[in-house]
Amino acid sequence: MLLRFEDPHDHRLIWEVPGGGIEAGETPLEAAGRELFEESGLPPESIVNRPVVLWRSFRFNGRDFHQPEHFFLAHVRASDLDFSRMPPDEARILRDHRWWTKSELDAYEGPVVPEQPAELAARLGAPAPWTAARRIPRQLLTERLLLRQWLPEDVAPLAEIYQQPEYLAHMPALDLEGTRIQLDRFAQRWQQDGLCQWAAVDLDSGKLIGRIGLIRHHDWPVSADPVEVGWTLNRDYWGRGLATEGGRASMECWRDLLDDEELISITRPANLRSRAVMERLGLTYRGMTNWRGNDSVWYATDR
């Protein structure tokens, strides 16, 4: 069920789920229940306490926001709604409401909050037909990162990272052409596997600072076709917790959207920084193997 509000500043019409701010002393679940009841009359006890937290950047009423938002699933019967408890400032800009099917949402091209609502519903555990929307998002926001698809102009800054001594201490160099080939291969992985590492962009500067995300290895010698969480960052952005932040967002996608029972992470034995990130993410050491001609250690976590 979506409500259609008019932005008081620029008069845009936006469909969005019931919700709002968290008041002092409230938990996210309590705030969601209060907002659901105020804005629709639907019972708070219908909410499933298994939220998905998304970082969203948006503009409303002339102000820019970048903040985490908790989304919940509620199991209710489609029924008449009661708007009598809606706060006056919200009631003044409410223009419409309706129940949507998945096919209707898939076909709708206007603004909707949250973006990609069918995928979010699947991630929250909605039953069929919503489960058909389960897939790794092609773009993801965290507190400080934009994880997005690769662009042609990303080749040069990524190739520069591959020439840094800190990278070369553990990995072979890739020149400009080799980096271009790699990004073409990443695009193929998105098509074939439905996932691959994202381009990692620093939100403050807008600069490409590396790659973070999930990738499926079809040549891993220990197990068949595992999914790995991994990261490679510009040395100037080390020590800020960005690999951990992006890695954690990637792990949430694995947990919510994939069926693989195990998630692994791979590095060279001497790469102590990367191994520390794996441990901060809750992965544990599982062993050493020779992979692609190099000794590699691998860490993992299970469901």
C-alpha atoms as a PDB file:
ATOM      1  CA  MET A   1       0.000   0.000   0.000  1.00  0.00           C
ATOM      2  CA  LEU A   2       1.387   3.383  -1.014  1.00  0.00           C
ATOM      3  CA  LEU A   3       0.401   6.935  -0.175  1.00  0.00           C
ATOM      4  CA  ARG A   4       0.805   9.751  -2.694  1.00  0.00           C
ATOM      5  CA  PHE A   5       2.114  13.002  -1.268  1.00  0.00           C
ATOM      6  CA  GLU A   6       2.789  16.377  -2.887  1.00  0.00           C
ATOM      7  CA  ASP A   7       6.137  17.948  -2.071  1.00  0.00           C
ATOM      8  CA  PRO A   8       5.259  21.373  -0.569  1.00  0.00           C
ATOM      9  CA  HIS A   9       8.341  22.976  -2.113  1.00  0.00           C
ATOM     10  CA  ASP A  10       8.328  21.910  -5.760  1.00  0.00           C
ATOM     11  CA  HIS A  11       4.891  20.201  -5.932  1.00  0.00           C
ATOM     12  CA  ARG A  12       6.250  16.869  -7.171  1.00  0.00           C
ATOM     13  CA  LEU A  13       3.915  13.932  -6.578  1.00  0.00           C
ATOM     14  CA  ILE A  14       5.588  10.941  -4.936  1.00  0.00           C
ATOM     15  CA  TRP A  15       4.209   7.524  -4.017  1.00  0.00           C
ATOM     16  CA  GLU A  16       5.672   6.236  -0.766  1.00  0.00           C
ATOM     17  CA  VAL A  17       5.105   3.702   1.974  1.00  0.00           C
ATOM     18  CA  PRO A  18       3.662   4.836   5.309  1.00  0.00           C
ATOM     19  CA  GLY A  19       6.368   6.008   7.668  1.00  0.00           C
ATOM     20  CA  GLY A  20       8.194   8.924   9.188  1.00  0.00           C
ATOM     21  CA  GLY A  21      10.641   9.968  11.860  1.00  0.00           C
ATOM     22  CA  ILE A  22      11.618   8.222  15.074  1.00  0.00           C
ATOM     23  CA  GLU A  23      10.556  10.165  18.164  1.00  0.00           C
ATOM     24  CA  ALA A  24      12.626  10.419  21.340  1.00  0.00           C
ATOM     25  CA  GLY A  25      12.660   7.146  23.249  1.00  0.00           C
ATOM     26  CA  GLU A  26      11.197   5.065  20.398  1.00  0.00           C
ATOM     27  CA  THR A  27      12.737   2.024  18.793  1.00  0.00           C
ATOM     28  CA  PRO A  28      12.521   1.775  14.991  1.00  0.00           C
ATOM     29  CA  LEU A  29       9.828  -0.910  15.396  1.00  0.00           C
ATOM     30  CA  GLU A  30       7.765   1.289  17.724  1.00  0.00           C
ATOM     31  CA  ALA A  31       8.099   4.255  15.360  1.00  0.00           C
ATOM     32  CA  ALA A  32       7.054   2.117  12.384  1.00  0.00           C
ATOM     33  CA  GLY A  33       3.980   0.871  14.250  1.00  0.00           C
ATOM     34  CA  ARG A  34       2.951   4.372  15.314  1.00  0.00           C
ATOM     35  CA  GLU A  35       3.431   5.772  11.810  1.00  0.00           C
ATOM     36  CA  LEU A  36       1.541   2.886  10.197  1.00  0.00           C
ATOM     37  CA  PHE A  37      -1.429   3.394  12.513  1.00  0.00           C
ATOM     38  CA  GLU A  38      -1.419   7.206  12.201  1.00  0.00           C
ATOM     39  CA  GLU A  39      -1.125   7.248   8.428  1.00  0.00           C
ATOM     40  CA  SER A  40      -3.369   4.335   7.490  1.00  0.00           C
ATOM     41  CA  GLY A  41      -5.204   2.952  10.504  1.00  0.00           C
ATOM     42  CA  LEU A  42      -3.544  -0.441   9.941  1.00  0.00           C
ATOM     43  CA  PRO A  43      -2.612  -2.361  13.117  1.00  0.00           C
ATOM     44  CA  PRO A  44       0.971  -1.989  14.434  1.00  0.00           C
ATOM     45  CA  GLU A  45       1.006  -5.631  15.508  1.00  0.00           C
ATOM     46  CA  SER A  46       0.965  -6.636  11.824  1.00  0.00           C
ATOM     47  CA  ILE A  47       4.608  -5.566  11.453  1.00  0.00           C
ATOM     48  CA  VAL A  48       7.322  -8.210  11.288  1.00  0.00           C
ATOM     49  CA  ASN A  49      10.327  -7.180  13.380  1.00  0.00           C
ATOM     50  CA  ARG A  50      12.967  -7.997  10.775  1.00  0.00           C
ATOM     51  CA  PRO A  51      13.856  -4.637   9.232  1.00  0.00           C
ATOM     52  CA  VAL A  52      16.124  -3.861   6.317  1.00  0.00           C
ATOM     53  CA  VAL A  53      18.122  -0.665   6.830  1.00  0.00           C
ATOM     54  CA  LEU A  54      18.822   1.363   3.693  1.00  0.00           C
ATOM     55  CA  TRP A  55      20.799   4.557   3.325  1.00  0.00           C
ATOM     56  CA  ARG A  56      18.839   7.024   1.203  1.00  0.00           C
ATOM     57  CA  SER A  57      19.786  10.370  -0.338  1.00  0.00           C
ATOM     58  CA  PHE A  58      16.823  12.511  -1.362  1.00  0.00           C
ATOM     59  CA  ARG A  59      15.381  16.012  -1.444  1.00  0.00           C
ATOM     60  CA  PHE A  60      12.063  16.953   0.168  1.00  0.00           C
ATOM     61  CA  ASN A  61      10.495  20.312   0.976  1.00  0.00           C
ATOM     62  CA  GLY A  62      13.609  22.118  -0.225  1.00  0.00           C
ATOM     63  CA  ARG A  63      15.995  20.173   2.022  1.00  0.00           C
ATOM     64  CA  ASP A  64      18.604  17.511   1.213  1.00  0.00           C
ATOM     65  CA  PHE A  65      18.714  14.347   3.322  1.00  0.00           C
ATOM     66  CA  HIS A  66      21.223  11.487   3.556  1.00  0.00           C
ATOM     67  CA  GLN A  67      20.187   9.110   6.299  1.00  0.00           C
ATOM     68  CA  PRO A  68      19.545   5.491   7.278  1.00  0.00           C
ATOM     69  CA  GLU A  69      15.924   4.350   7.125  1.00  0.00           C
ATOM     70  CA  HIS A  70      14.393   1.186   8.589  1.00  0.00           C
ATOM     71  CA  PHE A  71      11.888  -0.644   6.388  1.00  0.00           C
ATOM     72  CA  PHE A  72       9.553  -3.323   7.738  1.00  0.00           C
ATOM     73  CA  LEU A  73       7.088  -5.810   6.264  1.00  0.00           C
ATOM     74  CA  ALA A  74       3.506  -5.875   7.574  1.00  0.00           C
ATOM     75  CA  HIS A  75       1.034  -8.683   6.880  1.00  0.00           C
ATOM     76  CA  VAL A  76      -2.441  -7.152   6.504  1.00  0.00           C
ATOM     77  CA  ARG A  77      -5.606  -7.700   4.536  1.00  0.00           C
ATOM     78  CA  ALA A  78      -6.400  -5.127   1.872  1.00  0.00           C
ATOM     79  CA  SER A  79      -9.121  -3.037   3.484  1.00  0.00           C
ATOM     80  CA  ASP A  80     -10.493   0.435   3.884  1.00  0.00           C
ATOM     81  CA  LEU A  81      -7.935   2.766   5.384  1.00  0.00           C
ATOM     82  CA  ASP A  82      -8.451   5.289   8.150  1.00  0.00           C
ATOM     83  CA  PHE A  83      -6.636   8.614   7.786  1.00  0.00           C
ATOM     84  CA  SER A  84      -8.337  10.360  10.716  1.00  0.00           C
ATOM     85  CA  ARG A  85      -5.203  10.138  12.895  1.00  0.00           C
ATOM     86  CA  MET A  86      -2.802  11.464  10.275  1.00  0.00           C
ATOM     87  CA  PRO A  87      -0.948  14.587  11.496  1.00  0.00           C
ATOM     88  CA  PRO A  88      -2.380  17.764   9.909  1.00  0.00           C
ATOM     89  CA  ASP A  89       0.834  18.738   8.107  1.00  0.00           C
ATOM     90  CA  GLU A  90       0.843  15.346   6.366  1.00  0.00           C
ATOM     91  CA  ALA A  91      -2.903  15.275   5.698  1.00  0.00           C
ATOM     92  CA  ARG A  92      -2.607  18.622   3.881  1.00  0.00           C
ATOM     93  CA  ILE A  93      -0.253  17.158   1.276  1.00  0.00           C
ATOM     94  CA  LEU A  94      -1.844  13.693   0.916  1.00  0.00           C
ATOM     95  CA  ARG A  95      -3.273  13.390  -2.601  1.00  0.00           C
ATOM     96  CA  ASP A  96      -4.075   9.703  -3.105  1.00  0.00           C
ATOM     97  CA  HIS A  97      -3.604   6.161  -1.836  1.00  0.00           C
ATOM     98  CA  ARG A  98      -3.912   2.691  -3.328  1.00  0.00           C
ATOM     99  CA  TRP A  99      -2.944  -0.953  -3.028  1.00  0.00           C
ATOM    100  CA  TRP A 100      -0.458  -2.142  -5.668  1.00  0.00           C
ATOM    101  CA  THR A 101       0.338  -5.515  -7.184  1.00  0.00           C
ATOM    102  CA  LYS A 102       3.904  -6.464  -8.025  1.00  0.00           C
ATOM    103  CA  SER A 103       3.225  -6.262 -11.770  1.00  0.00           C
ATOM    104  CA  GLU A 104       1.802  -2.755 -11.356  1.00  0.00           C
ATOM    105  CA  LEU A 105       4.857  -1.594  -9.437  1.00  0.00           C
ATOM    106  CA  ASP A 106       7.183  -3.195 -11.992  1.00  0.00           C
ATOM    107  CA  ALA A 107       5.455  -1.276 -14.780  1.00  0.00           C
ATOM    108  CA  TYR A 108       5.264   2.079 -12.968  1.00  0.00           C
ATOM    109  CA  GLU A 109       7.974   4.559 -14.049  1.00  0.00           C
ATOM    110  CA  GLY A 110       7.260   7.478 -11.697  1.00  0.00           C
ATOM    111  CA  PRO A 111       8.967   8.255  -8.366  1.00  0.00           C
ATOM    112  CA  VAL A 112       8.406   5.716  -5.584  1.00  0.00           C
ATOM    113  CA  VAL A 113       9.820   5.595  -2.048  1.00  0.00           C
ATOM    114  CA  PRO A 114      11.584   3.323  -1.411  1.00  0.00           C
ATOM    115  CA  GLU A 115      13.234   2.976  -4.774  1.00  0.00           C
ATOM    116  CA  GLN A 116      12.866  -0.539  -6.229  1.00  0.00           C
ATOM    117  CA  PRO A 117      10.040  -1.447  -3.834  1.00  0.00           C
ATOM    118  CA  ALA A 118       9.482  -4.944  -5.241  1.00  0.00           C
ATOM    119  CA  GLU A 119      13.111  -5.875  -4.596  1.00  0.00           C
ATOM    120  CA  LEU A 120      12.880  -4.507  -1.059  1.00  0.00           C
ATOM    121  CA  ALA A 121       9.670  -6.458  -0.415  1.00  0.00           C
ATOM    122  CA  ALA A 122      11.420  -9.644  -1.517  1.00  0.00           C
ATOM    123  CA  ARG A 123      14.375  -8.822   0.719  1.00  0.00           C
ATOM    124  CA  LEU A 124      11.992  -8.343   3.650  1.00  0.00           C
ATOM    125  CA  GLY A 125      10.568 -11.816   3.099  1.00  0.00           C
ATOM    126  CA  ALA A 126       7.334 -11.117   1.230  1.00  0.00           C
ATOM    127  CA  PRO A 127       5.881 -14.314  -0.333  1.00  0.00           C
ATOM    128  CA  ALA A 128       5.341 -15.049  -4.025  1.00  0.00           C
ATOM    129  CA  PRO A 129       5.062 -13.310  -6.425  1.00  0.00           C
ATOM    130  CA  TRP A 130       7.335 -10.821  -4.639  1.00  0.00           C
ATOM    131  CA  THR A 131      10.049 -13.475  -4.225  1.00  0.00           C
ATOM    132  CA  ALA A 132      10.664 -13.257  -7.982  1.00  0.00           C
ATOM    133  CA  ALA A 133      12.249  -9.833  -7.355  1.00  0.00           C
ATOM    134  CA  ARG A 134      15.070 -11.250  -5.218  1.00  0.00           C
ATOM    135  CA  ARG A 135      18.300 -10.054  -6.796  1.00  0.00           C
ATOM    136  CA  ILE A 136      21.409  -8.183  -5.795  1.00  0.00           C
ATOM    137  CA  PRO A 137      20.791  -4.444  -6.306  1.00  0.00           C
ATOM    138  CA  ARG A 138      22.785  -2.863  -9.095  1.00  0.00           C
ATOM    139  CA  GLN A 139      23.365   0.167  -6.891  1.00  0.00           C
ATOM    140  CA  LEU A 140      23.570   0.567  -3.131  1.00  0.00           C
ATOM    141  CA  LEU A 141      24.107   3.428  -0.699  1.00  0.00           C
ATOM    142  CA  THR A 142      25.877   3.188   2.641  1.00  0.00           C
ATOM    143  CA  GLU A 143      26.635   5.978   5.086  1.00  0.00           C
ATOM    144  CA  ARG A 144      29.726   7.128   3.191  1.00  0.00           C
ATOM    145  CA  LEU A 145      29.770   5.171  -0.059  1.00  0.00           C
ATOM    146  CA  LEU A 146      27.877   4.902  -3.306  1.00  0.00           C
ATOM    147  CA  LEU A 147      28.274   1.368  -4.659  1.00  0.00           C
ATOM    148  CA  ARG A 148      27.273   1.533  -8.311  1.00  0.00           C
ATOM    149  CA  GLN A 149      27.740  -0.006 -11.746  1.00  0.00           C
ATOM    150  CA  TRP A 150      30.953   0.606 -13.644  1.00  0.00           C
ATOM    151  CA  LEU A 151      31.326   3.449 -16.148  1.00  0.00           C
ATOM    152  CA  PRO A 152      33.874   3.851 -18.978  1.00  0.00           C
ATOM    153  CA  GLU A 153      35.502   6.750 -17.138  1.00  0.00           C
ATOM    154  CA  ASP A 154      36.270   4.447 -14.177  1.00  0.00           C
ATOM    155  CA  VAL A 155      39.043   2.642 -16.070  1.00  0.00           C
ATOM    156  CA  ALA A 156      41.784   5.240 -15.492  1.00  0.00           C
ATOM    157  CA  PRO A 157      41.299   5.841 -11.739  1.00  0.00           C
ATOM    158  CA  LEU A 158      40.999   2.104 -11.067  1.00  0.00           C
ATOM    159  CA  ALA A 159      44.175   1.437 -13.087  1.00  0.00           C
ATOM    160  CA  GLU A 160      45.947   4.046 -10.944  1.00  0.00           C
ATOM    161  CA  ILE A 161      44.998   2.093  -7.814  1.00  0.00           C
ATOM    162  CA  TYR A 162      46.452  -1.043  -9.400  1.00  0.00           C
ATOM    163  CA  GLN A 163      49.823   0.761  -9.733  1.00  0.00           C
ATOM    164  CA  GLN A 164      50.074   1.772  -6.076  1.00  0.00           C
ATOM    165  CA  PRO A 165      52.896   0.016  -4.164  1.00  0.00           C
ATOM    166  CA  GLU A 166      50.493  -1.054  -1.402  1.00  0.00           C
ATOM    167  CA  TYR A 167      48.368  -2.895  -3.975  1.00  0.00           C
ATOM    168  CA  LEU A 168      51.374  -4.397  -5.754  1.00  0.00           C
ATOM    169  CA  ALA A 169      52.672  -5.813  -2.469  1.00  0.00           C
ATOM    170  CA  HIS A 170      49.968  -8.486  -2.676  1.00  0.00           C
ATOM    171  CA  MET A 171      48.510  -8.427  -6.197  1.00  0.00           C
ATOM    172  CA  PRO A 172      49.855  -8.378  -9.778  1.00  0.00           C
ATOM    173  CA  ALA A 173      49.769  -5.090 -11.662  1.00  0.00           C
ATOM    174  CA  LEU A 174      47.069  -4.300 -14.196  1.00  0.00           C
ATOM    175  CA  ASP A 175      47.685  -1.650 -16.842  1.00  0.00           C
ATOM    176  CA  LEU A 176      45.016   0.482 -18.494  1.00  0.00           C
ATOM    177  CA  GLU A 177      44.065  -2.148 -21.059  1.00  0.00           C
ATOM    178  CA  GLY A 178      44.044  -4.905 -18.465  1.00  0.00           C
ATOM    179  CA  THR A 179      41.755  -2.827 -16.259  1.00  0.00           C
ATOM    180  CA  ARG A 180      39.410  -2.199 -19.188  1.00  0.00           C
ATOM    181  CA  ILE A 181      39.242  -5.943 -19.832  1.00  0.00           C
ATOM    182  CA  GLN A 182      38.536  -6.560 -16.155  1.00  0.00           C
ATOM    183  CA  LEU A 183      35.609  -4.113 -16.128  1.00  0.00           C
ATOM    184  CA  ASP A 184      34.191  -5.764 -19.254  1.00  0.00           C
ATOM    185  CA  ARG A 185      34.399  -9.057 -17.384  1.00  0.00           C
ATOM    186  CA  PHE A 186      32.626  -7.514 -14.376  1.00  0.00           C
ATOM    187  CA  ALA A 187      29.766  -6.446 -16.680  1.00  0.00           C
ATOM    188  CA  GLN A 188      29.547 -10.013 -18.001  1.00  0.00           C
ATOM    189  CA  ARG A 189      29.393 -11.341 -14.433  1.00  0.00           C
ATOM    190  CA  TRP A 190      26.443  -9.080 -13.666  1.00  0.00           C
ATOM    191  CA  GLN A 191      24.677 -10.532 -16.695  1.00  0.00           C
ATOM    192  CA  GLN A 192      25.581 -14.177 -16.077  1.00  0.00           C
ATOM    193  CA  ASP A 193      25.706 -14.458 -12.271  1.00  0.00           C
ATOM    194  CA  GLY A 194      23.438 -11.577 -11.267  1.00  0.00           C
ATOM    195  CA  LEU A 195      26.166 -10.103  -9.079  1.00  0.00           C
ATOM    196  CA  CYS A 196      29.693  -8.748  -9.117  1.00  0.00           C
ATOM    197  CA  GLN A 197      31.732  -6.126  -7.327  1.00  0.00           C
ATOM    198  CA  TRP A 198      30.487  -2.559  -7.490  1.00  0.00           C
ATOM    199  CA  ALA A 199      32.449   0.581  -8.232  1.00  0.00           C
ATOM    200  CA  ALA A 200      33.008   2.236  -4.832  1.00  0.00           C
ATOM    201  CA  VAL A 201      32.554   6.018  -4.840  1.00  0.00           C
ATOM    202  CA  ASP A 202      33.307   8.306  -1.890  1.00  0.00           C
ATOM    203  CA  LEU A 203      30.124  10.305  -1.287  1.00  0.00           C
ATOM    204  CA  ASP A 204      31.921  13.393   0.032  1.00  0.00           C
ATOM    205  CA  SER A 205      34.205  13.860  -2.957  1.00  0.00           C
ATOM    206  CA  GLY A 206      32.397  11.920  -5.678  1.00  0.00           C
ATOM    207  CA  LYS A 207      35.707  10.160  -6.407  1.00  0.00           C
ATOM    208  CA  LEU A 208      36.042   6.528  -7.443  1.00  0.00           C
ATOM    209  CA  ILE A 209      38.101   4.943  -4.657  1.00  0.00           C
ATOM    210  CA  GLY A 210      38.051   1.257  -5.585  1.00  0.00           C
ATOM    211  CA  ARG A 211      35.779  -1.738  -5.787  1.00  0.00           C
ATOM    212  CA  ILE A 212      33.712  -3.553  -3.159  1.00  0.00           C
ATOM    213  CA  GLY A 213      31.115  -6.277  -3.265  1.00  0.00           C
ATOM    214  CA  LEU A 214      30.249  -9.860  -4.050  1.00  0.00           C
ATOM    215  CA  ILE A 215      31.638 -12.079  -6.798  1.00  0.00           C
ATOM    216  CA  ARG A 216      31.037 -15.746  -7.618  1.00  0.00           C
ATOM    217  CA  HIS A 217      34.175 -17.787  -8.319  1.00  0.00           C
ATOM    218  CA  HIS A 218      33.686 -20.693 -10.717  1.00  0.00           C
ATOM    219  CA  ASP A 219      37.308 -21.866 -10.369  1.00  0.00           C
ATOM    220  CA  TRP A 220      37.663 -22.003  -6.579  1.00  0.00           C
ATOM    221  CA  PRO A 221      39.398 -25.297  -5.699  1.00  0.00           C
ATOM    222  CA  VAL A 222      37.885 -25.809  -2.239  1.00  0.00           C
ATOM    223  CA  SER A 223      34.144 -25.737  -3.032  1.00  0.00           C
ATOM    224  CA  ALA A 224      31.888 -25.289  -6.046  1.00  0.00           C
ATOM    225  CA  ASP A 225      31.021 -21.761  -7.197  1.00  0.00           C
ATOM    226  CA  PRO A 226      31.187 -19.928  -3.852  1.00  0.00           C
ATOM    227  CA  VAL A 227      30.322 -16.244  -3.400  1.00  0.00           C
ATOM    228  CA  GLU A 228      33.134 -14.056  -2.092  1.00  0.00           C
ATOM    229  CA  VAL A 229      32.946 -10.674  -0.407  1.00  0.00           C
ATOM    230  CA  GLY A 230      35.953  -8.543  -1.286  1.00  0.00           C
ATOM    231  CA  TRP A 231      37.382  -5.034  -1.562  1.00  0.00           C
ATOM    232  CA  THR A 232      40.223  -3.071  -3.126  1.00  0.00           C
ATOM    233  CA  LEU A 233      40.608   0.580  -2.113  1.00  0.00           C
ATOM    234  CA  ASN A 234      42.814   3.524  -2.967  1.00  0.00           C
ATOM    235  CA  ARG A 235      45.520   3.741  -0.279  1.00  0.00           C
ATOM    236  CA  ASP A 236      44.467   7.339   0.496  1.00  0.00           C
ATOM    237  CA  TYR A 237      41.191   5.967   1.882  1.00  0.00           C
ATOM    238  CA  TRP A 238      42.647   3.261   4.096  1.00  0.00           C
ATOM    239  CA  GLY A 239      42.138   3.391   7.847  1.00  0.00           C
ATOM    240  CA  ARG A 240      38.641   4.916   7.693  1.00  0.00           C
ATOM    241  CA  GLY A 241      36.577   1.754   8.001  1.00  0.00           C
ATOM    242  CA  LEU A 242      35.289   2.011   4.428  1.00  0.00           C
ATOM    243  CA  ALA A 243      36.161  -1.564   3.470  1.00  0.00           C
ATOM    244  CA  THR A 244      34.311  -2.769   6.572  1.00  0.00           C
ATOM    245  CA  GLU A 245      31.335  -0.531   5.784  1.00  0.00           C
ATOM    246  CA  GLY A 246      31.060  -1.703   2.188  1.00  0.00           C
ATOM    247  CA  GLY A 247      31.786  -5.293   3.137  1.00  0.00           C
ATOM    248  CA  ARG A 248      29.023  -5.278   5.738  1.00  0.00           C
ATOM    249  CA  ALA A 249      26.498  -3.930   3.210  1.00  0.00           C
ATOM    250  CA  SER A 250      27.576  -6.667   0.795  1.00  0.00           C
ATOM    251  CA  MET A 251      27.128  -9.341   3.460  1.00  0.00           C
ATOM    252  CA  GLU A 252      23.595  -8.115   4.150  1.00  0.00           C
ATOM    253  CA  CYS A 253      22.781  -8.601   0.480  1.00  0.00           C
ATOM    254  CA  TRP A 254      24.191 -12.130   0.582  1.00  0.00           C
ATOM    255  CA  ARG A 255      22.182 -12.935   3.687  1.00  0.00           C
ATOM    256  CA  ASP A 256      18.903 -11.455   2.420  1.00  0.00           C
ATOM    257  CA  LEU A 257      19.003 -12.180  -1.306  1.00  0.00           C
ATOM    258  CA  LEU A 258      21.110 -15.270  -2.020  1.00  0.00           C
ATOM    259  CA  ASP A 259      20.616 -18.914  -1.079  1.00  0.00           C
ATOM    260  CA  ASP A 260      24.310 -19.787  -0.671  1.00  0.00           C
ATOM    261  CA  GLU A 261      24.920 -21.295   2.756  1.00  0.00           C
ATOM    262  CA  GLU A 262      28.487 -19.972   2.949  1.00  0.00           C
ATOM    263  CA  LEU A 263      30.154 -16.639   2.167  1.00  0.00           C
ATOM    264  CA  ILE A 264      33.936 -16.601   1.756  1.00  0.00           C
ATOM    265  CA  SER A 265      36.681 -13.992   1.514  1.00  0.00           C
ATOM    266  CA  ILE A 266      40.133 -14.585  -0.003  1.00  0.00           C
ATOM    267  CA  THR A 267      43.494 -12.843   0.270  1.00  0.00           C
ATOM    268  CA  ARG A 268      47.220 -13.482   0.294  1.00  0.00           C
ATOM    269  CA  PRO A 269      48.673 -14.722   3.608  1.00  0.00           C
ATOM    270  CA  ALA A 270      50.727 -11.561   4.174  1.00  0.00           C
ATOM    271  CA  ASN A 271      47.806  -9.160   3.607  1.00  0.00           C
ATOM    272  CA  LEU A 272      47.173  -8.531   7.283  1.00  0.00           C
ATOM    273  CA  ARG A 273      44.996  -5.443   6.698  1.00  0.00           C
ATOM    274  CA  SER A 274      42.535  -7.371   4.566  1.00  0.00           C
ATOM    275  CA  ARG A 275      42.512 -10.274   6.998  1.00  0.00           C
ATOM    276  CA  ALA A 276      41.687  -7.826   9.810  1.00  0.00           C
ATOM    277  CA  VAL A 277      38.692  -6.539   7.838  1.00  0.00           C
ATOM    278  CA  MET A 278      37.470 -10.110   7.380  1.00  0.00           C
ATOM    279  CA  GLU A 279      37.672 -10.682  11.115  1.00  0.00           C
ATOM    280  CA  ARG A 280      35.841  -7.422  11.870  1.00  0.00           C
ATOM    281  CA  LEU A 281      33.061  -8.627   9.590  1.00  0.00           C
ATOM    282  CA  GLY A 282      32.743 -11.853  11.575  1.00  0.00           C
ATOM    283  CA  LEU A 283      34.407 -14.188   9.073  1.00  0.00           C
ATOM    284  CA  THR A 284      36.703 -16.842  10.533  1.00  0.00           C
ATOM    285  CA  TYR A 285      39.874 -18.408   9.181  1.00  0.00           C
ATOM    286  CA  ARG A 286      39.214 -21.649   7.301  1.00  0.00           C
ATOM    287  CA  GLY A 287      42.547 -22.543   5.694  1.00  0.00           C
ATOM    288  CA  MET A 288      45.101 -22.034   2.936  1.00  0.00           C
ATOM    289  CA  THR A 289      45.049 -23.239  -0.660  1.00  0.00           C
ATOM    290  CA  ASN A 290      46.776 -22.604  -3.964  1.00  0.00           C
ATOM    291  CA  TRP A 291      44.496 -20.621  -6.255  1.00  0.00           C
ATOM    292  CA  ARG A 292      45.408 -19.261  -9.654  1.00  0.00           C
ATOM    293  CA  GLY A 293      49.050 -20.103  -8.995  1.00  0.00           C
ATOM    294  CA  ASN A 294      49.289 -18.289  -5.645  1.00  0.00           C
ATOM    295  CA  ASP A 295      49.068 -19.271  -2.001  1.00  0.00           C
ATOM    296  CA  SER A 296      45.810 -17.857  -0.645  1.00  0.00           C
ATOM    297  CA  VAL A 297      44.110 -17.853   2.736  1.00  0.00           C
ATOM    298  CA  TRP A 298      40.375 -17.903   2.974  1.00  0.00           C
ATOM    299  CA  TYR A 299      37.887 -16.897   5.627  1.00  0.00           C
ATOM    300  CA  ALA A 300      34.167 -17.671   5.728  1.00  0.00           C
ATOM    301  CA  THR A 301      30.892 -17.301   7.552  1.00  0.00           C
ATOM    302  CA  ASP A 302      27.874 -19.582   7.487  1.00  0.00           C
ATOM    303  CA  ARG A 303      24.194 -18.847   7.833  1.00  0.00           C
END
